[in-house]
Amino acid sequence: YLKCGWLLLSVSVSVAPGYHGIERDRIYSLGWNKKNGEVQYPISEKSKKLDDAIIKMLNGDDSKVKEFLDEWNAGD
């Protein structure tokens, strides 16, 4: 998110009883500055490949769909 232009507003710690005793979780608060324009979100490589496969499939080429599914099933 920071690489996309989000700002780190605060970091806090949540403490609560858990299964293995006291558990601590970090809580990150982020914000988007409207001056940066439309909100940007990070996109994973898998999401990019899926988008590419869908666009190609809509244009009649389903080879990328099979390629994506093969990678997905292989656990990449």
PDB file of N, CA and C in Angstrom:
ATOM      1  N   TYR A   1       0.825  -1.196   0.000  1.00  0.00           N
ATOM      2  CA  TYR A   1       0.000   0.000   0.000  1.00  0.00           C
ATOM      3  C   TYR A   1       0.867   1.258   0.000  1.00  0.00           C
ATOM      4  N   LEU A   2       1.950   1.235   0.766  1.00  0.00           N
ATOM      5  CA  LEU A   2       2.812   2.413   0.808  1.00  0.00           C
ATOM      6  C   LEU A   2       3.409   2.718  -0.559  1.00  0.00           C
ATOM      7  N   LYS A   3       3.754   1.680  -1.328  1.00  0.00           N
ATOM      8  CA  LYS A   3       4.302   1.874  -2.673  1.00  0.00           C
ATOM      9  C   LYS A   3       3.271   2.501  -3.609  1.00  0.00           C
ATOM     10  N   CYS A   4       1.981   2.319  -3.307  1.00  0.00           N
ATOM     11  CA  CYS A   4       0.900   2.888  -4.122  1.00  0.00           C
ATOM     12  C   CYS A   4       0.591   4.332  -3.744  1.00  0.00           C
ATOM     13  N   GLY A   5       1.182   4.820  -2.651  1.00  0.00           N
ATOM     14  CA  GLY A   5       0.959   6.201  -2.249  1.00  0.00           C
ATOM     15  C   GLY A   5       0.167   6.385  -0.964  1.00  0.00           C
ATOM     16  N   TRP A   6      -0.214   5.278  -0.307  1.00  0.00           N
ATOM     17  CA  TRP A   6      -0.931   5.382   0.961  1.00  0.00           C
ATOM     18  C   TRP A   6       0.006   5.928   2.033  1.00  0.00           C
ATOM     19  N   LEU A   7      -0.557   6.558   3.057  1.00  0.00           N
ATOM     20  CA  LEU A   7       0.209   7.112   4.167  1.00  0.00           C
ATOM     21  C   LEU A   7      -0.008   6.271   5.419  1.00  0.00           C
ATOM     22  N   LEU A   8       1.068   5.998   6.149  1.00  0.00           N
ATOM     23  CA  LEU A   8       0.963   5.291   7.412  1.00  0.00           C
ATOM     24  C   LEU A   8       0.588   6.310   8.481  1.00  0.00           C
ATOM     25  N   LEU A   9      -0.601   6.165   9.051  1.00  0.00           N
ATOM     26  CA  LEU A   9      -1.101   7.122  10.034  1.00  0.00           C
ATOM     27  C   LEU A   9      -0.714   6.744  11.458  1.00  0.00           C
ATOM     28  N   SER A  10      -0.778   5.452  11.764  1.00  0.00           N
ATOM     29  CA  SER A  10      -0.407   5.015  13.114  1.00  0.00           C
ATOM     30  C   SER A  10      -0.180   3.511  13.137  1.00  0.00           C
ATOM     31  N   VAL A  11       0.530   3.078  14.178  1.00  0.00           N
ATOM     32  CA  VAL A  11       0.744   1.658  14.438  1.00  0.00           C
ATOM     33  C   VAL A  11       0.410   1.452  15.908  1.00  0.00           C
ATOM     34  N   SER A  12      -0.423   0.471  16.179  1.00  0.00           N
ATOM     35  CA  SER A  12      -0.768   0.174  17.569  1.00  0.00           C
ATOM     36  C   SER A  12      -0.718  -1.337  17.772  1.00  0.00           C
ATOM     37  N   VAL A  13      -0.835  -1.748  19.031  1.00  0.00           N
ATOM     38  CA  VAL A  13      -0.785  -3.162  19.362  1.00  0.00           C
ATOM     39  C   VAL A  13      -2.054  -3.529  20.112  1.00  0.00           C
ATOM     40  N   SER A  14      -2.665  -4.623  19.684  1.00  0.00           N
ATOM     41  CA  SER A  14      -3.837  -5.164  20.354  1.00  0.00           C
ATOM     42  C   SER A  14      -3.375  -6.355  21.187  1.00  0.00           C
ATOM     43  N   VAL A  15      -3.782  -6.383  22.443  1.00  0.00           N
ATOM     44  CA  VAL A  15      -3.408  -7.480  23.338  1.00  0.00           C
ATOM     45  C   VAL A  15      -4.691  -8.143  23.815  1.00  0.00           C
ATOM     46  N   ALA A  16      -4.751  -9.473  23.649  1.00  0.00           N
ATOM     47  CA  ALA A  16      -5.953 -10.203  24.057  1.00  0.00           C
ATOM     48  C   ALA A  16      -5.582 -11.635  24.413  1.00  0.00           C
ATOM     49  N   PRO A  17      -6.372 -12.255  25.294  1.00  0.00           N
ATOM     50  CA  PRO A  17      -6.116 -13.661  25.594  1.00  0.00           C
ATOM     51  C   PRO A  17      -6.396 -14.508  24.363  1.00  0.00           C
ATOM     52  N   GLY A  18      -5.549 -15.494  24.129  1.00  0.00           N
ATOM     53  CA  GLY A  18      -5.717 -16.372  22.983  1.00  0.00           C
ATOM     54  C   GLY A  18      -5.526 -17.815  23.370  1.00  0.00           C
ATOM     55  N   TYR A  19      -5.573 -18.654  22.386  1.00  0.00           N
ATOM     56  CA  TYR A  19      -5.465 -20.092  22.609  1.00  0.00           C
ATOM     57  C   TYR A  19      -4.135 -20.468  23.252  1.00  0.00           C
ATOM     58  N   HIS A  20      -3.060 -19.791  22.860  1.00  0.00           N
ATOM     59  CA  HIS A  20      -1.717 -20.085  23.375  1.00  0.00           C
ATOM     60  C   HIS A  20      -1.243 -19.011  24.349  1.00  0.00           C
ATOM     61  N   GLY A  21      -2.138 -18.431  25.107  1.00  0.00           N
ATOM     62  CA  GLY A  21      -1.775 -17.370  26.054  1.00  0.00           C
ATOM     63  C   GLY A  21      -2.110 -16.008  25.482  1.00  0.00           C
ATOM     64  N   ILE A  22      -1.384 -15.008  25.947  1.00  0.00           N
ATOM     65  CA  ILE A  22      -1.622 -13.635  25.490  1.00  0.00           C
ATOM     66  C   ILE A  22      -1.135 -13.486  24.049  1.00  0.00           C
ATOM     67  N   GLU A  23      -1.994 -12.968  23.202  1.00  0.00           N
ATOM     68  CA  GLU A  23      -1.631 -12.731  21.810  1.00  0.00           C
ATOM     69  C   GLU A  23      -1.578 -11.240  21.537  1.00  0.00           C
ATOM     70  N   ARG A  24      -0.581 -10.860  20.769  1.00  0.00           N
ATOM     71  CA  ARG A  24      -0.402  -9.455  20.389  1.00  0.00           C
ATOM     72  C   ARG A  24      -0.479  -9.341  18.874  1.00  0.00           C
ATOM     73  N   ASP A  25      -1.254  -8.416  18.420  1.00  0.00           N
ATOM     74  CA  ASP A  25      -1.381  -8.153  16.984  1.00  0.00           C
ATOM     75  C   ASP A  25      -1.066  -6.695  16.717  1.00  0.00           C
ATOM     76  N   ARG A  26      -0.289  -6.447  15.670  1.00  0.00           N
ATOM     77  CA  ARG A  26      -0.032  -5.060  15.252  1.00  0.00           C
ATOM     78  C   ARG A  26      -1.194  -4.601  14.392  1.00  0.00           C
ATOM     79  N   ILE A  27      -1.602  -3.371  14.594  1.00  0.00           N
ATOM     80  CA  ILE A  27      -2.680  -2.777  13.808  1.00  0.00           C
ATOM     81  C   ILE A  27      -2.104  -1.559  13.091  1.00  0.00           C
ATOM     82  N   TYR A  28      -2.163  -1.591  11.776  1.00  0.00           N
ATOM     83  CA  TYR A  28      -1.657  -0.488  10.964  1.00  0.00           C
ATOM     84  C   TYR A  28      -2.838   0.309  10.443  1.00  0.00           C
ATOM     85  N   SER A  29      -2.806   1.615  10.645  1.00  0.00           N
ATOM     86  CA  SER A  29      -3.848   2.496  10.109  1.00  0.00           C
ATOM     87  C   SER A  29      -3.264   3.270   8.946  1.00  0.00           C
ATOM     88  N   LEU A  30      -3.921   3.157   7.791  1.00  0.00           N
ATOM     89  CA  LEU A  30      -3.458   3.815   6.577  1.00  0.00           C
ATOM     90  C   LEU A  30      -4.488   4.825   6.107  1.00  0.00           C
ATOM     91  N   GLY A  31      -4.040   5.802   5.365  1.00  0.00           N
ATOM     92  CA  GLY A  31      -4.946   6.790   4.801  1.00  0.00           C
ATOM     93  C   GLY A  31      -4.519   7.174   3.398  1.00  0.00           C
ATOM     94  N   TRP A  32      -5.481   7.648   2.622  1.00  0.00           N
ATOM     95  CA  TRP A  32      -5.225   8.091   1.259  1.00  0.00           C
ATOM     96  C   TRP A  32      -5.443   9.591   1.177  1.00  0.00           C
ATOM     97  N   ASN A  33      -4.475  10.314   0.634  1.00  0.00           N
ATOM     98  CA  ASN A  33      -4.579  11.756   0.450  1.00  0.00           C
ATOM     99  C   ASN A  33      -5.321  12.030  -0.859  1.00  0.00           C
ATOM    100  N   LYS A  34      -6.425  12.737  -0.788  1.00  0.00           N
ATOM    101  CA  LYS A  34      -7.223  13.026  -1.986  1.00  0.00           C
ATOM    102  C   LYS A  34      -6.430  13.773  -3.044  1.00  0.00           C
ATOM    103  N   LYS A  35      -5.387  14.488  -2.636  1.00  0.00           N
ATOM    104  CA  LYS A  35      -4.555  15.214  -3.593  1.00  0.00           C
ATOM    105  C   LYS A  35      -3.832  14.264  -4.555  1.00  0.00           C
ATOM    106  N   ASN A  36      -3.728  12.993  -4.163  1.00  0.00           N
ATOM    107  CA  ASN A  36      -3.075  11.989  -5.021  1.00  0.00           C
ATOM    108  C   ASN A  36      -4.015  11.444  -6.088  1.00  0.00           C
ATOM    109  N   GLY A  37      -5.252  11.953  -6.131  1.00  0.00           N
ATOM    110  CA  GLY A  37      -6.206  11.493  -7.144  1.00  0.00           C
ATOM    111  C   GLY A  37      -6.985  10.277  -6.688  1.00  0.00           C
ATOM    112  N   GLU A  38      -7.359   9.449  -7.654  1.00  0.00           N
ATOM    113  CA  GLU A  38      -8.159   8.260  -7.371  1.00  0.00           C
ATOM    114  C   GLU A  38      -7.359   7.266  -6.520  1.00  0.00           C
ATOM    115  N   VAL A  39      -8.038   6.632  -5.579  1.00  0.00           N
ATOM    116  CA  VAL A  39      -7.394   5.684  -4.674  1.00  0.00           C
ATOM    117  C   VAL A  39      -6.773   4.539  -5.466  1.00  0.00           C
ATOM    118  N   GLN A  40      -5.533   4.206  -5.132  1.00  0.00           N
ATOM    119  CA  GLN A  40      -4.807   3.118  -5.777  1.00  0.00           C
ATOM    120  C   GLN A  40      -4.650   1.961  -4.804  1.00  0.00           C
ATOM    121  N   TYR A  41      -4.779   0.740  -5.311  1.00  0.00           N
ATOM    122  CA  TYR A  41      -4.620  -0.459  -4.494  1.00  0.00           C
ATOM    123  C   TYR A  41      -3.546  -1.343  -5.117  1.00  0.00           C
ATOM    124  N   PRO A  42      -2.789  -2.039  -4.290  1.00  0.00           N
ATOM    125  CA  PRO A  42      -1.783  -2.945  -4.850  1.00  0.00           C
ATOM    126  C   PRO A  42      -2.457  -4.124  -5.568  1.00  0.00           C
ATOM    127  N   ILE A  43      -1.819  -4.583  -6.622  1.00  0.00           N
ATOM    128  CA  ILE A  43      -2.342  -5.712  -7.393  1.00  0.00           C
ATOM    129  C   ILE A  43      -1.271  -6.789  -7.425  1.00  0.00           C
ATOM    130  N   SER A  44      -1.636  -8.002  -7.068  1.00  0.00           N
ATOM    131  CA  SER A  44      -0.677  -9.106  -7.059  1.00  0.00           C
ATOM    132  C   SER A  44      -0.369  -9.556  -8.484  1.00  0.00           C
ATOM    133  N   GLU A  45       0.740 -10.269  -8.636  1.00  0.00           N
ATOM    134  CA  GLU A  45       1.099 -10.810  -9.946  1.00  0.00           C
ATOM    135  C   GLU A  45       0.026 -11.782 -10.432  1.00  0.00           C
ATOM    136  N   LYS A  46      -0.544 -12.569  -9.499  1.00  0.00           N
ATOM    137  CA  LYS A  46      -1.607 -13.508  -9.891  1.00  0.00           C
ATOM    138  C   LYS A  46      -2.802 -12.767 -10.450  1.00  0.00           C
ATOM    139  N   SER A  47      -3.171 -11.650  -9.822  1.00  0.00           N
ATOM    140  CA  SER A  47      -4.310 -10.868 -10.313  1.00  0.00           C
ATOM    141  C   SER A  47      -4.032 -10.318 -11.700  1.00  0.00           C
ATOM    142  N   LYS A  48      -2.803  -9.862 -11.935  1.00  0.00           N
ATOM    143  CA  LYS A  48      -2.446  -9.349 -13.257  1.00  0.00           C
ATOM    144  C   LYS A  48      -2.550 -10.450 -14.313  1.00  0.00           C
ATOM    145  N   LYS A  49      -2.057 -11.658 -13.957  1.00  0.00           N
ATOM    146  CA  LYS A  49      -2.120 -12.774 -14.908  1.00  0.00           C
ATOM    147  C   LYS A  49      -3.562 -13.178 -15.190  1.00  0.00           C
ATOM    148  N   LEU A  50      -4.401 -13.174 -14.150  1.00  0.00           N
ATOM    149  CA  LEU A  50      -5.800 -13.520 -14.343  1.00  0.00           C
ATOM    150  C   LEU A  50      -6.490 -12.491 -15.233  1.00  0.00           C
ATOM    151  N   ASP A  51      -6.239 -11.203 -14.999  1.00  0.00           N
ATOM    152  CA  ASP A  51      -6.812 -10.147 -15.850  1.00  0.00           C
ATOM    153  C   ASP A  51      -6.397 -10.343 -17.302  1.00  0.00           C
ATOM    154  N   ASP A  52      -5.105 -10.636 -17.521  1.00  0.00           N
ATOM    155  CA  ASP A  52      -4.594 -10.860 -18.873  1.00  0.00           C
ATOM    156  C   ASP A  52      -5.288 -12.058 -19.519  1.00  0.00           C
ATOM    157  N   ALA A  53      -5.445 -13.143 -18.745  1.00  0.00           N
ATOM    158  CA  ALA A  53      -6.102 -14.346 -19.275  1.00  0.00           C
ATOM    159  C   ALA A  53      -7.547 -14.069 -19.657  1.00  0.00           C
ATOM    160  N   ILE A  54      -8.261 -13.320 -18.835  1.00  0.00           N
ATOM    161  CA  ILE A  54      -9.666 -13.009 -19.115  1.00  0.00           C
ATOM    162  C   ILE A  54      -9.791 -12.146 -20.373  1.00  0.00           C
ATOM    163  N   ILE A  55      -8.927 -11.142 -20.498  1.00  0.00           N
ATOM    164  CA  ILE A  55      -8.969 -10.262 -21.679  1.00  0.00           C
ATOM    165  C   ILE A  55      -8.701 -11.068 -22.946  1.00  0.00           C
ATOM    166  N   LYS A  56      -7.694 -11.945 -22.889  1.00  0.00           N
ATOM    167  CA  LYS A  56      -7.383 -12.772 -24.070  1.00  0.00           C
ATOM    168  C   LYS A  56      -8.531 -13.722 -24.389  1.00  0.00           C
ATOM    169  N   MET A  57      -9.154 -14.292 -23.350  1.00  0.00           N
ATOM    170  CA  MET A  57     -10.276 -15.208 -23.558  1.00  0.00           C
ATOM    171  C   MET A  57     -11.439 -14.475 -24.230  1.00  0.00           C
ATOM    172  N   LEU A  58     -11.707 -13.240 -23.799  1.00  0.00           N
ATOM    173  CA  LEU A  58     -12.785 -12.462 -24.397  1.00  0.00           C
ATOM    174  C   LEU A  58     -12.502 -12.136 -25.859  1.00  0.00           C
ATOM    175  N   ASN A  59     -11.219 -12.172 -26.227  1.00  0.00           N
ATOM    176  CA  ASN A  59     -10.831 -11.930 -27.618  1.00  0.00           C
ATOM    177  C   ASN A  59     -10.633 -13.233 -28.391  1.00  0.00           C
ATOM    178  N   GLY A  60     -11.088 -14.354 -27.809  1.00  0.00           N
ATOM    179  CA  GLY A  60     -11.061 -15.626 -28.519  1.00  0.00           C
ATOM    180  C   GLY A  60      -9.841 -16.494 -28.287  1.00  0.00           C
ATOM    181  N   ASP A  61      -8.918 -16.081 -27.449  1.00  0.00           N
ATOM    182  CA  ASP A  61      -7.700 -16.862 -27.183  1.00  0.00           C
ATOM    183  C   ASP A  61      -7.754 -17.382 -25.754  1.00  0.00           C
ATOM    184  N   ASP A  62      -8.059 -18.678 -25.606  1.00  0.00           N
ATOM    185  CA  ASP A  62      -8.190 -19.221 -24.251  1.00  0.00           C
ATOM    186  C   ASP A  62      -6.908 -19.894 -23.751  1.00  0.00           C
ATOM    187  N   SER A  63      -5.807 -19.752 -24.462  1.00  0.00           N
ATOM    188  CA  SER A  63      -4.550 -20.392 -24.057  1.00  0.00           C
ATOM    189  C   SER A  63      -4.035 -19.844 -22.721  1.00  0.00           C
ATOM    190  N   LYS A  64      -4.231 -18.565 -22.472  1.00  0.00           N
ATOM    191  CA  LYS A  64      -3.760 -17.963 -21.217  1.00  0.00           C
ATOM    192  C   LYS A  64      -4.578 -18.451 -20.028  1.00  0.00           C
ATOM    193  N   VAL A  65      -5.842 -18.810 -20.255  1.00  0.00           N
ATOM    194  CA  VAL A  65      -6.680 -19.323 -19.170  1.00  0.00           C
ATOM    195  C   VAL A  65      -6.114 -20.653 -18.692  1.00  0.00           C
ATOM    196  N   LYS A  66      -5.785 -21.550 -19.631  1.00  0.00           N
ATOM    197  CA  LYS A  66      -5.206 -22.837 -19.267  1.00  0.00           C
ATOM    198  C   LYS A  66      -3.870 -22.629 -18.557  1.00  0.00           C
ATOM    199  N   GLU A  67      -3.056 -21.729 -19.064  1.00  0.00           N
ATOM    200  CA  GLU A  67      -1.756 -21.428 -18.458  1.00  0.00           C
ATOM    201  C   GLU A  67      -1.941 -20.928 -17.021  1.00  0.00           C
ATOM    202  N   PHE A  68      -2.887 -20.021 -16.826  1.00  0.00           N
ATOM    203  CA  PHE A  68      -3.155 -19.494 -15.486  1.00  0.00           C
ATOM    204  C   PHE A  68      -3.620 -20.607 -14.551  1.00  0.00           C
ATOM    205  N   LEU A  69      -4.565 -21.435 -15.021  1.00  0.00           N
ATOM    206  CA  LEU A  69      -5.081 -22.522 -14.182  1.00  0.00           C
ATOM    207  C   LEU A  69      -4.001 -23.543 -13.849  1.00  0.00           C
ATOM    208  N   ASP A  70      -3.112 -23.832 -14.793  1.00  0.00           N
ATOM    209  CA  ASP A  70      -2.013 -24.745 -14.514  1.00  0.00           C
ATOM    210  C   ASP A  70      -1.103 -24.198 -13.420  1.00  0.00           C
ATOM    211  N   GLU A  71      -0.789 -22.904 -13.493  1.00  0.00           N
ATOM    212  CA  GLU A  71       0.036 -22.271 -12.449  1.00  0.00           C
ATOM    213  C   GLU A  71      -0.680 -22.271 -11.118  1.00  0.00           C
ATOM    214  N   TRP A  72      -1.974 -21.936 -11.141  1.00  0.00           N
ATOM    215  CA  TRP A  72      -2.775 -21.886  -9.910  1.00  0.00           C
ATOM    216  C   TRP A  72      -2.797 -23.248  -9.227  1.00  0.00           C
ATOM    217  N   ASN A  73      -3.049 -24.290 -10.010  1.00  0.00           N
ATOM    218  CA  ASN A  73      -3.106 -25.651  -9.459  1.00  0.00           C
ATOM    219  C   ASN A  73      -1.746 -26.160  -8.997  1.00  0.00           C
ATOM    220  N   ALA A  74      -0.672 -25.603  -9.563  1.00  0.00           N
ATOM    221  CA  ALA A  74       0.667 -25.987  -9.145  1.00  0.00           C
ATOM    222  C   ALA A  74       1.061 -25.294  -7.836  1.00  0.00           C
ATOM    223  N   GLY A  75       0.277 -24.297  -7.421  1.00  0.00           N
ATOM    224  CA  GLY A  75       0.550 -23.612  -6.170  1.00  0.00           C
ATOM    225  C   GLY A  75       1.461 -22.410  -6.265  1.00  0.00           C
ATOM    226  N   ASP A  76       1.678 -21.872  -7.465  1.00  0.00           N
ATOM    227  CA  ASP A  76       2.519 -20.674  -7.615  1.00  0.00           C
ATOM    228  C   ASP A  76       1.801 -19.449  -7.124  1.00  0.00           C
TER     229      ASP A  76
END
